[in-house]
Amino acid sequence: MIDEVYNKGSERKPYVNVRGEWIGVDSVTFLDIEEDFEGRDVMTFEYQGQKYRSHIINRVSWLSVKAW
């Protein structure tokens, strides 16, 4: 079922975490990127005048899932 959703036009977008809220990377100002000790991407960015660091995750935009 999940594979069908991914293959039916759903859109995966990268997000970063700001104080417990997941924000799309298109809404932040990129400053730097590095890898943690496990090889996961950690992004440094600015959001609403503040500097943050967060792992990057890809989430499915369920609003973009097309009807079958």
N, C-alpha and C. Protein backbone atom coordinates (compact mmCIF):
# COMPACT_ATOMS: atom_id res chain seq x y z
N MET A 1 0.83 -1.20 0.00
CA MET A 1 0.00 0.00 0.00
C MET A 1 0.87 1.26 0.00
N ILE A 2 1.86 1.32 0.91
CA ILE A 2 2.71 2.50 0.98
C ILE A 2 3.46 2.69 -0.33
N ASP A 3 3.99 1.60 -0.91
CA ASP A 3 4.69 1.70 -2.19
C ASP A 3 3.76 2.27 -3.27
N GLU A 4 2.50 1.88 -3.25
CA GLU A 4 1.55 2.39 -4.22
C GLU A 4 1.38 3.90 -4.08
N VAL A 5 1.34 4.39 -2.84
CA VAL A 5 1.18 5.82 -2.60
C VAL A 5 2.39 6.57 -3.14
N TYR A 6 3.60 6.07 -2.87
CA TYR A 6 4.81 6.74 -3.37
C TYR A 6 4.84 6.76 -4.89
N ASN A 7 4.36 5.71 -5.51
CA ASN A 7 4.43 5.60 -6.97
C ASN A 7 3.25 6.26 -7.69
N LYS A 8 2.27 6.74 -6.99
CA LYS A 8 1.08 7.33 -7.61
C LYS A 8 1.10 8.85 -7.61
N GLY A 9 2.29 9.44 -7.60
CA GLY A 9 2.38 10.89 -7.73
C GLY A 9 2.56 11.64 -6.43
N SER A 10 2.83 10.94 -5.32
CA SER A 10 3.09 11.68 -4.09
C SER A 10 4.43 12.39 -4.22
N GLU A 11 4.59 13.43 -3.49
CA GLU A 11 5.79 14.25 -3.60
C GLU A 11 6.56 14.20 -2.29
N ARG A 12 7.84 13.81 -2.36
CA ARG A 12 8.70 13.77 -1.18
C ARG A 12 9.48 15.07 -1.12
N LYS A 13 9.47 15.70 0.05
CA LYS A 13 10.14 16.98 0.23
C LYS A 13 11.03 16.92 1.47
N PRO A 14 12.19 17.63 1.43
CA PRO A 14 13.07 17.67 2.61
C PRO A 14 12.57 18.68 3.65
N TYR A 15 12.71 18.28 4.91
CA TYR A 15 12.30 19.11 6.04
C TYR A 15 13.40 19.15 7.09
N VAL A 16 13.43 20.22 7.87
CA VAL A 16 14.30 20.35 9.03
C VAL A 16 13.43 20.66 10.24
N ASN A 17 13.97 20.40 11.43
CA ASN A 17 13.20 20.57 12.65
C ASN A 17 13.58 21.88 13.34
N VAL A 18 12.56 22.67 13.68
CA VAL A 18 12.75 23.92 14.42
C VAL A 18 11.86 23.84 15.65
N ARG A 19 12.48 23.66 16.81
CA ARG A 19 11.75 23.60 18.09
C ARG A 19 10.55 22.64 18.05
N GLY A 20 10.76 21.46 17.46
CA GLY A 20 9.72 20.44 17.43
C GLY A 20 8.78 20.52 16.24
N GLU A 21 8.94 21.51 15.38
CA GLU A 21 8.08 21.65 14.21
C GLU A 21 8.90 21.39 12.95
N TRP A 22 8.37 20.58 12.04
CA TRP A 22 9.06 20.27 10.79
C TRP A 22 8.75 21.34 9.75
N ILE A 23 9.82 22.00 9.26
CA ILE A 23 9.71 23.12 8.33
C ILE A 23 10.36 22.70 7.01
N GLY A 24 9.70 22.97 5.90
CA GLY A 24 10.28 22.67 4.60
C GLY A 24 11.55 23.47 4.37
N VAL A 25 12.58 22.84 3.77
CA VAL A 25 13.84 23.53 3.57
C VAL A 25 13.69 24.73 2.62
N ASP A 26 12.63 24.76 1.84
CA ASP A 26 12.41 25.91 0.96
C ASP A 26 11.97 27.15 1.75
N SER A 27 11.70 26.98 3.06
CA SER A 27 11.27 28.10 3.90
C SER A 27 12.39 28.63 4.80
N VAL A 28 13.61 28.06 4.67
CA VAL A 28 14.74 28.48 5.50
C VAL A 28 15.87 28.97 4.62
N THR A 29 16.84 29.63 5.23
CA THR A 29 18.03 30.09 4.52
C THR A 29 19.19 29.15 4.82
N PHE A 30 19.67 28.47 3.81
CA PHE A 30 20.76 27.50 3.95
C PHE A 30 22.05 28.21 4.32
N LEU A 31 22.78 27.64 5.33
CA LEU A 31 24.08 28.17 5.71
C LEU A 31 25.20 27.15 5.50
N ASP A 32 24.96 25.88 5.88
CA ASP A 32 26.00 24.86 5.79
C ASP A 32 25.37 23.48 5.89
N ILE A 33 26.11 22.46 5.46
CA ILE A 33 25.67 21.08 5.63
C ILE A 33 26.88 20.22 5.94
N GLU A 34 26.68 19.23 6.80
CA GLU A 34 27.74 18.30 7.19
C GLU A 34 27.10 16.96 7.50
N GLU A 35 27.93 15.96 7.79
CA GLU A 35 27.42 14.65 8.18
C GLU A 35 27.70 14.40 9.65
N ASP A 36 26.76 13.74 10.34
CA ASP A 36 27.01 13.35 11.71
C ASP A 36 27.84 12.06 11.70
N PHE A 37 28.11 11.49 12.87
CA PHE A 37 28.97 10.31 12.96
C PHE A 37 28.34 9.06 12.32
N GLU A 38 27.04 9.09 12.05
CA GLU A 38 26.36 7.98 11.38
C GLU A 38 26.17 8.24 9.88
N GLY A 39 26.67 9.36 9.38
CA GLY A 39 26.56 9.68 7.97
C GLY A 39 25.29 10.39 7.57
N ARG A 40 24.47 10.76 8.55
CA ARG A 40 23.22 11.49 8.24
C ARG A 40 23.52 12.97 8.04
N ASP A 41 22.80 13.59 7.12
CA ASP A 41 22.99 15.01 6.84
C ASP A 41 22.46 15.88 7.98
N VAL A 42 23.28 16.86 8.37
CA VAL A 42 22.89 17.85 9.37
C VAL A 42 23.05 19.22 8.72
N MET A 43 21.96 19.95 8.67
CA MET A 43 21.95 21.25 8.00
C MET A 43 21.96 22.38 9.03
N THR A 44 22.80 23.38 8.78
CA THR A 44 22.77 24.62 9.55
C THR A 44 22.05 25.64 8.68
N PHE A 45 21.09 26.33 9.29
CA PHE A 45 20.24 27.23 8.52
C PHE A 45 19.72 28.36 9.40
N GLU A 46 19.17 29.35 8.76
CA GLU A 46 18.55 30.46 9.47
C GLU A 46 17.05 30.44 9.22
N TYR A 47 16.29 30.65 10.28
CA TYR A 47 14.83 30.67 10.18
C TYR A 47 14.31 31.77 11.10
N GLN A 48 13.59 32.70 10.54
CA GLN A 48 13.03 33.83 11.27
C GLN A 48 14.08 34.54 12.13
N GLY A 49 15.26 34.77 11.53
CA GLY A 49 16.32 35.52 12.19
C GLY A 49 17.16 34.74 13.19
N GLN A 50 16.87 33.46 13.39
CA GLN A 50 17.61 32.63 14.34
C GLN A 50 18.38 31.55 13.58
N LYS A 51 19.52 31.14 14.12
CA LYS A 51 20.35 30.09 13.52
C LYS A 51 20.04 28.75 14.19
N TYR A 52 19.88 27.69 13.38
CA TYR A 52 19.54 26.35 13.87
C TYR A 52 20.38 25.29 13.17
N ARG A 53 20.41 24.10 13.77
CA ARG A 53 20.99 22.90 13.15
C ARG A 53 19.97 21.78 13.30
N SER A 54 19.83 20.97 12.25
CA SER A 54 18.85 19.89 12.29
C SER A 54 19.23 18.82 11.28
N HIS A 55 18.85 17.57 11.60
CA HIS A 55 18.91 16.53 10.59
C HIS A 55 17.88 16.86 9.51
N ILE A 56 18.13 16.39 8.31
CA ILE A 56 17.19 16.58 7.20
C ILE A 56 16.43 15.28 7.02
N ILE A 57 15.11 15.38 6.93
CA ILE A 57 14.31 14.20 6.62
C ILE A 57 13.49 14.47 5.37
N ASN A 58 13.13 13.42 4.68
CA ASN A 58 12.23 13.53 3.53
C ASN A 58 10.87 13.03 3.95
N ARG A 59 9.86 13.84 3.75
CA ARG A 59 8.49 13.47 4.11
C ARG A 59 7.63 13.50 2.86
N VAL A 60 6.62 12.67 2.87
CA VAL A 60 5.65 12.66 1.77
C VAL A 60 4.65 13.77 2.01
N SER A 61 4.43 14.56 1.00
CA SER A 61 3.40 15.59 1.08
C SER A 61 2.08 14.93 0.72
N TRP A 62 1.31 14.54 1.74
CA TRP A 62 0.08 13.80 1.50
C TRP A 62 -0.96 14.63 0.75
N LEU A 63 -0.83 15.94 0.81
CA LEU A 63 -1.77 16.77 0.06
C LEU A 63 -1.53 16.68 -1.43
N SER A 64 -0.32 16.24 -1.80
CA SER A 64 -0.01 16.16 -3.22
C SER A 64 -0.31 14.77 -3.80
N VAL A 65 -0.78 13.83 -2.96
CA VAL A 65 -1.08 12.49 -3.45
C VAL A 65 -2.30 12.59 -4.37
N LYS A 66 -2.13 12.10 -5.56
CA LYS A 66 -3.22 12.18 -6.55
C LYS A 66 -4.21 11.04 -6.34
N ALA A 67 -5.45 11.31 -6.61
CA ALA A 67 -6.48 10.26 -6.50
C ALA A 67 -6.23 9.20 -7.56
N TRP A 68 -6.46 7.97 -7.22
CA TRP A 68 -6.21 6.86 -8.14
C TRP A 68 -7.35 6.74 -9.07
